[in-house]
Amino acid sequence: MVKDAISHKDLSKKQLENLKDIYIDSRLSSMTADELSKFVRTILIDQIKGTVGNEEEREAWKEIKEFFGEDFEDKLKKVIKNKENEDEDISPEQEELEKRLKLLEQRKTESQKGSQDMW
């Protein structure tokens, strides 16, 4: 690399923003429709499925809700119905985990009742 090369640190904030705009416009105009579709799909998957924590999950939920608008409740019902169908196809490991969790919850409830009865 040339010692006197310009870096992003040499540009003003406005100049850097302008360079980014030029790059984005040039990059988009050089992509085919298929490339654009794949690119947007990758971005949306990262943005929506890559959520971490409640705040990001709320943002994704809001974006999904706004996108579907009046159809949102129908989409929810469909997902919930599909979930019920998926429950029938639970792996043995998942089924065992759910049984254990229910048993732990049941024991916890019984333990709390027992400690309350003593007092």
N, C-alpha and C. Protein backbone atom coordinates (compact mmCIF):
# COMPACT_ATOMS: atom_id res chain seq x y z
N MET A 1 0.85 -1.18 0.00
CA MET A 1 0.00 0.00 0.00
C MET A 1 0.89 1.24 0.00
N VAL A 2 0.51 2.21 -0.76
CA VAL A 2 1.25 3.46 -0.86
C VAL A 2 1.09 4.22 0.45
N LYS A 3 2.19 4.78 0.92
CA LYS A 3 2.19 5.47 2.20
C LYS A 3 1.25 6.67 2.21
N ASP A 4 1.11 7.38 1.08
CA ASP A 4 0.29 8.58 1.01
C ASP A 4 -1.15 8.29 0.59
N ALA A 5 -1.56 7.04 0.63
CA ALA A 5 -2.92 6.68 0.21
C ALA A 5 -3.94 7.32 1.14
N ILE A 6 -5.07 7.65 0.57
CA ILE A 6 -6.15 8.26 1.34
C ILE A 6 -6.90 7.16 2.06
N SER A 7 -7.28 7.41 3.30
CA SER A 7 -8.08 6.45 4.05
C SER A 7 -9.40 7.11 4.45
N HIS A 8 -10.30 6.30 4.99
CA HIS A 8 -11.59 6.84 5.41
C HIS A 8 -11.44 7.92 6.49
N LYS A 9 -10.34 7.86 7.21
CA LYS A 9 -10.10 8.84 8.25
C LYS A 9 -9.80 10.24 7.69
N ASP A 10 -9.38 10.27 6.41
CA ASP A 10 -9.03 11.55 5.78
C ASP A 10 -10.25 12.29 5.26
N LEU A 11 -11.38 11.62 5.19
CA LEU A 11 -12.59 12.24 4.65
C LEU A 11 -13.45 12.81 5.77
N SER A 12 -14.17 13.85 5.42
CA SER A 12 -15.14 14.38 6.38
C SER A 12 -16.31 13.40 6.45
N LYS A 13 -17.14 13.57 7.45
CA LYS A 13 -18.30 12.70 7.60
C LYS A 13 -19.19 12.77 6.35
N LYS A 14 -19.39 13.97 5.84
CA LYS A 14 -20.22 14.18 4.66
C LYS A 14 -19.59 13.52 3.42
N GLN A 15 -18.28 13.66 3.26
CA GLN A 15 -17.59 13.05 2.13
C GLN A 15 -17.69 11.52 2.18
N LEU A 16 -17.53 10.98 3.37
CA LEU A 16 -17.63 9.54 3.55
C LEU A 16 -19.04 9.04 3.24
N GLU A 17 -20.04 9.78 3.68
CA GLU A 17 -21.43 9.43 3.37
C GLU A 17 -21.67 9.47 1.86
N ASN A 18 -21.14 10.49 1.18
CA ASN A 18 -21.28 10.60 -0.27
C ASN A 18 -20.62 9.41 -0.98
N LEU A 19 -19.43 9.03 -0.52
CA LEU A 19 -18.73 7.88 -1.09
C LEU A 19 -19.56 6.60 -0.89
N LYS A 20 -20.12 6.44 0.28
CA LYS A 20 -20.97 5.27 0.55
C LYS A 20 -22.19 5.26 -0.35
N ASP A 21 -22.81 6.42 -0.56
CA ASP A 21 -23.96 6.51 -1.47
C ASP A 21 -23.58 6.11 -2.89
N ILE A 22 -22.44 6.58 -3.34
CA ILE A 22 -21.96 6.24 -4.69
C ILE A 22 -21.74 4.73 -4.79
N TYR A 23 -21.11 4.17 -3.77
CA TYR A 23 -20.85 2.72 -3.75
C TYR A 23 -22.16 1.93 -3.80
N ILE A 24 -23.11 2.31 -2.96
CA ILE A 24 -24.39 1.59 -2.90
C ILE A 24 -25.10 1.66 -4.25
N ASP A 25 -25.20 2.85 -4.82
CA ASP A 25 -25.85 3.01 -6.11
C ASP A 25 -25.15 2.20 -7.20
N SER A 26 -23.83 2.26 -7.22
CA SER A 26 -23.05 1.52 -8.22
C SER A 26 -23.19 0.02 -8.03
N ARG A 27 -23.12 -0.42 -6.80
CA ARG A 27 -23.24 -1.86 -6.50
C ARG A 27 -24.61 -2.38 -6.91
N LEU A 28 -25.67 -1.64 -6.57
CA LEU A 28 -27.02 -2.07 -6.93
C LEU A 28 -27.23 -2.09 -8.44
N SER A 29 -26.74 -1.07 -9.13
CA SER A 29 -26.95 -1.01 -10.58
C SER A 29 -26.15 -2.08 -11.31
N SER A 30 -25.10 -2.61 -10.70
CA SER A 30 -24.30 -3.64 -11.36
C SER A 30 -24.84 -5.05 -11.11
N MET A 31 -25.84 -5.19 -10.23
CA MET A 31 -26.36 -6.51 -9.88
C MET A 31 -27.54 -6.88 -10.78
N THR A 32 -27.62 -8.17 -11.10
CA THR A 32 -28.77 -8.67 -11.85
C THR A 32 -29.95 -8.80 -10.89
N ALA A 33 -31.13 -9.03 -11.45
CA ALA A 33 -32.33 -9.19 -10.61
C ALA A 33 -32.16 -10.39 -9.68
N ASP A 34 -31.57 -11.47 -10.18
CA ASP A 34 -31.34 -12.66 -9.36
C ASP A 34 -30.36 -12.37 -8.22
N GLU A 35 -29.29 -11.64 -8.54
CA GLU A 35 -28.32 -11.27 -7.51
C GLU A 35 -28.96 -10.36 -6.45
N LEU A 36 -29.77 -9.41 -6.91
CA LEU A 36 -30.48 -8.52 -5.98
C LEU A 36 -31.40 -9.32 -5.06
N SER A 37 -32.12 -10.25 -5.64
CA SER A 37 -33.04 -11.07 -4.85
C SER A 37 -32.29 -11.88 -3.80
N LYS A 38 -31.20 -12.51 -4.19
CA LYS A 38 -30.40 -13.30 -3.25
C LYS A 38 -29.81 -12.40 -2.16
N PHE A 39 -29.34 -11.24 -2.56
CA PHE A 39 -28.74 -10.30 -1.60
C PHE A 39 -29.77 -9.84 -0.56
N VAL A 40 -30.94 -9.45 -1.04
CA VAL A 40 -31.99 -8.98 -0.14
C VAL A 40 -32.43 -10.12 0.77
N ARG A 41 -32.55 -11.31 0.23
CA ARG A 41 -32.93 -12.47 1.03
C ARG A 41 -31.93 -12.69 2.17
N THR A 42 -30.65 -12.63 1.84
CA THR A 42 -29.60 -12.80 2.86
C THR A 42 -29.71 -11.74 3.94
N ILE A 43 -29.91 -10.50 3.53
CA ILE A 43 -30.03 -9.40 4.49
C ILE A 43 -31.25 -9.60 5.39
N LEU A 44 -32.39 -9.95 4.79
CA LEU A 44 -33.61 -10.15 5.58
C LEU A 44 -33.48 -11.33 6.55
N ILE A 45 -32.87 -12.39 6.09
CA ILE A 45 -32.66 -13.54 6.97
C ILE A 45 -31.80 -13.13 8.16
N ASP A 46 -30.70 -12.43 7.88
CA ASP A 46 -29.84 -11.97 8.98
C ASP A 46 -30.59 -11.03 9.91
N GLN A 47 -31.37 -10.14 9.33
CA GLN A 47 -32.07 -9.12 10.12
C GLN A 47 -33.19 -9.73 10.95
N ILE A 48 -33.97 -10.62 10.39
CA ILE A 48 -35.14 -11.14 11.07
C ILE A 48 -34.83 -12.40 11.86
N LYS A 49 -34.13 -13.34 11.28
CA LYS A 49 -33.86 -14.59 11.98
C LYS A 49 -32.66 -14.50 12.90
N GLY A 50 -31.83 -13.52 12.68
CA GLY A 50 -30.63 -13.38 13.50
C GLY A 50 -30.84 -12.51 14.73
N THR A 51 -32.10 -12.34 15.13
CA THR A 51 -32.39 -11.49 16.28
C THR A 51 -31.89 -12.13 17.55
N VAL A 52 -31.39 -11.29 18.45
CA VAL A 52 -30.91 -11.74 19.74
C VAL A 52 -31.49 -10.82 20.80
N GLY A 53 -32.14 -11.40 21.77
CA GLY A 53 -32.67 -10.60 22.87
C GLY A 53 -34.05 -10.05 22.57
N ASN A 54 -34.69 -9.60 23.63
CA ASN A 54 -36.07 -9.12 23.54
C ASN A 54 -36.23 -7.88 22.67
N GLU A 55 -35.31 -6.95 22.76
CA GLU A 55 -35.43 -5.71 22.00
C GLU A 55 -35.40 -5.97 20.50
N GLU A 56 -34.44 -6.77 20.06
CA GLU A 56 -34.35 -7.08 18.64
C GLU A 56 -35.56 -7.91 18.20
N GLU A 57 -36.01 -8.81 19.07
CA GLU A 57 -37.17 -9.64 18.74
C GLU A 57 -38.41 -8.77 18.60
N ARG A 58 -38.54 -7.75 19.46
CA ARG A 58 -39.68 -6.81 19.36
C ARG A 58 -39.62 -6.02 18.05
N GLU A 59 -38.43 -5.60 17.66
CA GLU A 59 -38.27 -4.86 16.41
C GLU A 59 -38.65 -5.73 15.22
N ALA A 60 -38.21 -6.98 15.23
CA ALA A 60 -38.55 -7.89 14.13
C ALA A 60 -40.06 -8.13 14.10
N TRP A 61 -40.66 -8.34 15.29
CA TRP A 61 -42.11 -8.56 15.39
C TRP A 61 -42.86 -7.36 14.79
N LYS A 62 -42.42 -6.15 15.16
CA LYS A 62 -43.07 -4.93 14.67
C LYS A 62 -42.95 -4.83 13.15
N GLU A 63 -41.78 -5.13 12.63
CA GLU A 63 -41.57 -5.06 11.18
C GLU A 63 -42.45 -6.08 10.46
N ILE A 64 -42.52 -7.29 10.99
CA ILE A 64 -43.36 -8.33 10.38
C ILE A 64 -44.83 -7.92 10.44
N LYS A 65 -45.25 -7.41 11.59
CA LYS A 65 -46.65 -7.00 11.77
C LYS A 65 -47.01 -5.88 10.80
N GLU A 66 -46.13 -4.89 10.67
CA GLU A 66 -46.40 -3.78 9.75
C GLU A 66 -46.41 -4.24 8.30
N PHE A 67 -45.55 -5.19 7.97
CA PHE A 67 -45.50 -5.67 6.60
C PHE A 67 -46.80 -6.38 6.21
N PHE A 68 -47.28 -7.26 7.07
CA PHE A 68 -48.49 -8.02 6.77
C PHE A 68 -49.76 -7.21 6.98
N GLY A 69 -49.71 -6.18 7.79
CA GLY A 69 -50.87 -5.31 7.99
C GLY A 69 -52.09 -6.08 8.44
N GLU A 70 -53.17 -5.95 7.69
CA GLU A 70 -54.43 -6.59 8.05
C GLU A 70 -54.36 -8.12 7.98
N ASP A 71 -53.41 -8.64 7.23
CA ASP A 71 -53.27 -10.09 7.09
C ASP A 71 -52.45 -10.72 8.22
N PHE A 72 -51.95 -9.88 9.13
CA PHE A 72 -51.06 -10.37 10.18
C PHE A 72 -51.72 -11.46 11.04
N GLU A 73 -52.95 -11.22 11.47
CA GLU A 73 -53.62 -12.20 12.32
C GLU A 73 -53.82 -13.52 11.59
N ASP A 74 -54.15 -13.46 10.30
CA ASP A 74 -54.30 -14.68 9.51
C ASP A 74 -52.97 -15.45 9.45
N LYS A 75 -51.89 -14.72 9.28
CA LYS A 75 -50.56 -15.36 9.23
C LYS A 75 -50.25 -16.00 10.57
N LEU A 76 -50.58 -15.30 11.66
CA LEU A 76 -50.35 -15.87 13.00
C LEU A 76 -51.13 -17.15 13.20
N LYS A 77 -52.40 -17.13 12.82
CA LYS A 77 -53.24 -18.31 12.96
C LYS A 77 -52.67 -19.48 12.17
N LYS A 78 -52.17 -19.19 10.98
CA LYS A 78 -51.58 -20.23 10.14
C LYS A 78 -50.34 -20.82 10.81
N VAL A 79 -49.50 -19.95 11.36
CA VAL A 79 -48.28 -20.41 12.03
C VAL A 79 -48.64 -21.25 13.26
N ILE A 80 -49.61 -20.79 14.01
CA ILE A 80 -50.02 -21.53 15.21
C ILE A 80 -50.59 -22.88 14.82
N LYS A 81 -51.39 -22.92 13.77
CA LYS A 81 -51.96 -24.18 13.30
C LYS A 81 -50.83 -25.11 12.86
N ASN A 82 -49.86 -24.59 12.13
CA ASN A 82 -48.72 -25.39 11.70
C ASN A 82 -47.92 -25.90 12.88
N LYS A 83 -47.82 -25.09 13.92
CA LYS A 83 -47.11 -25.50 15.14
C LYS A 83 -47.80 -26.69 15.77
N GLU A 84 -49.14 -26.66 15.79
CA GLU A 84 -49.88 -27.79 16.35
C GLU A 84 -49.61 -29.05 15.54
N ASN A 85 -49.52 -28.93 14.22
CA ASN A 85 -49.21 -30.07 13.38
C ASN A 85 -47.77 -30.55 13.60
N GLU A 86 -46.86 -29.61 13.84
CA GLU A 86 -45.47 -29.96 14.11
C GLU A 86 -45.36 -30.74 15.40
N ASP A 87 -46.19 -30.40 16.38
CA ASP A 87 -46.14 -31.08 17.67
C ASP A 87 -46.34 -32.58 17.51
N GLU A 88 -47.09 -32.97 16.48
CA GLU A 88 -47.31 -34.39 16.23
C GLU A 88 -46.04 -35.05 15.72
N ASP A 89 -45.14 -34.28 15.14
CA ASP A 89 -43.91 -34.81 14.56
C ASP A 89 -42.69 -34.54 15.45
N ILE A 90 -42.89 -34.44 16.75
CA ILE A 90 -41.80 -34.14 17.68
C ILE A 90 -40.84 -35.32 17.75
N SER A 91 -39.56 -35.02 17.76
CA SER A 91 -38.56 -36.07 17.89
C SER A 91 -38.64 -36.67 19.29
N PRO A 92 -38.20 -37.90 19.45
CA PRO A 92 -38.22 -38.53 20.78
C PRO A 92 -37.43 -37.73 21.82
N GLU A 93 -36.34 -37.12 21.38
CA GLU A 93 -35.53 -36.31 22.30
C GLU A 93 -36.31 -35.09 22.77
N GLN A 94 -36.99 -34.43 21.83
CA GLN A 94 -37.79 -33.25 22.18
C GLN A 94 -38.94 -33.64 23.09
N GLU A 95 -39.58 -34.77 22.79
CA GLU A 95 -40.69 -35.24 23.61
C GLU A 95 -40.22 -35.54 25.03
N GLU A 96 -39.06 -36.17 25.15
CA GLU A 96 -38.50 -36.48 26.47
C GLU A 96 -38.16 -35.20 27.23
N LEU A 97 -37.59 -34.23 26.55
CA LEU A 97 -37.27 -32.95 27.17
C LEU A 97 -38.53 -32.27 27.69
N GLU A 98 -39.59 -32.27 26.88
CA GLU A 98 -40.85 -31.66 27.31
C GLU A 98 -41.44 -32.38 28.51
N LYS A 99 -41.36 -33.71 28.54
CA LYS A 99 -41.85 -34.47 29.70
C LYS A 99 -41.08 -34.10 30.95
N ARG A 100 -39.76 -33.99 30.81
CA ARG A 100 -38.92 -33.64 31.96
C ARG A 100 -39.25 -32.24 32.48
N LEU A 101 -39.43 -31.31 31.54
CA LEU A 101 -39.77 -29.95 31.95
C LEU A 101 -41.11 -29.90 32.67
N LYS A 102 -42.10 -30.64 32.17
CA LYS A 102 -43.40 -30.70 32.84
C LYS A 102 -43.28 -31.31 34.22
N LEU A 103 -42.48 -32.37 34.33
CA LEU A 103 -42.28 -33.02 35.62
C LEU A 103 -41.60 -32.08 36.61
N LEU A 104 -40.58 -31.37 36.14
CA LEU A 104 -39.90 -30.40 37.01
C LEU A 104 -40.87 -29.31 37.48
N GLU A 105 -41.69 -28.81 36.57
CA GLU A 105 -42.67 -27.79 36.92
C GLU A 105 -43.68 -28.33 37.92
N GLN A 106 -44.09 -29.58 37.70
CA GLN A 106 -45.05 -30.22 38.60
C GLN A 106 -44.44 -30.37 40.00
N ARG A 107 -43.20 -30.82 40.06
CA ARG A 107 -42.51 -30.97 41.35
C ARG A 107 -42.35 -29.63 42.05
N LYS A 108 -42.03 -28.61 41.28
CA LYS A 108 -41.87 -27.27 41.84
C LYS A 108 -43.18 -26.79 42.44
N THR A 109 -44.28 -27.00 41.71
CA THR A 109 -45.60 -26.61 42.20
C THR A 109 -45.96 -27.37 43.46
N GLU A 110 -45.71 -28.68 43.46
CA GLU A 110 -46.01 -29.50 44.63
C GLU A 110 -45.16 -29.08 45.82
N SER A 111 -43.92 -28.76 45.56
CA SER A 111 -43.01 -28.32 46.62
C SER A 111 -43.49 -27.01 47.24
N GLN A 112 -43.95 -26.10 46.39
CA GLN A 112 -44.46 -24.82 46.87
C GLN A 112 -45.73 -25.02 47.68
N LYS A 113 -46.60 -25.92 47.23
CA LYS A 113 -47.83 -26.20 47.97
C LYS A 113 -47.50 -26.81 49.32
N GLY A 114 -46.52 -27.73 49.33
CA GLY A 114 -46.13 -28.38 50.58
C GLY A 114 -45.57 -27.40 51.58
N SER A 115 -44.77 -26.46 51.13
CA SER A 115 -44.19 -25.48 52.05
C SER A 115 -45.27 -24.50 52.54
N GLN A 116 -46.29 -24.25 51.73
CA GLN A 116 -47.37 -23.37 52.14
C GLN A 116 -48.28 -24.07 53.15
N ASP A 117 -48.47 -25.38 52.98
CA ASP A 117 -49.34 -26.12 53.90
C ASP A 117 -48.74 -26.17 55.31
N MET A 118 -47.43 -26.17 55.39
CA MET A 118 -46.76 -26.26 56.69
C MET A 118 -47.00 -25.00 57.51
N TRP A 119 -47.21 -23.90 56.88
CA TRP A 119 -47.36 -22.63 57.60
C TRP A 119 -48.80 -22.36 57.77
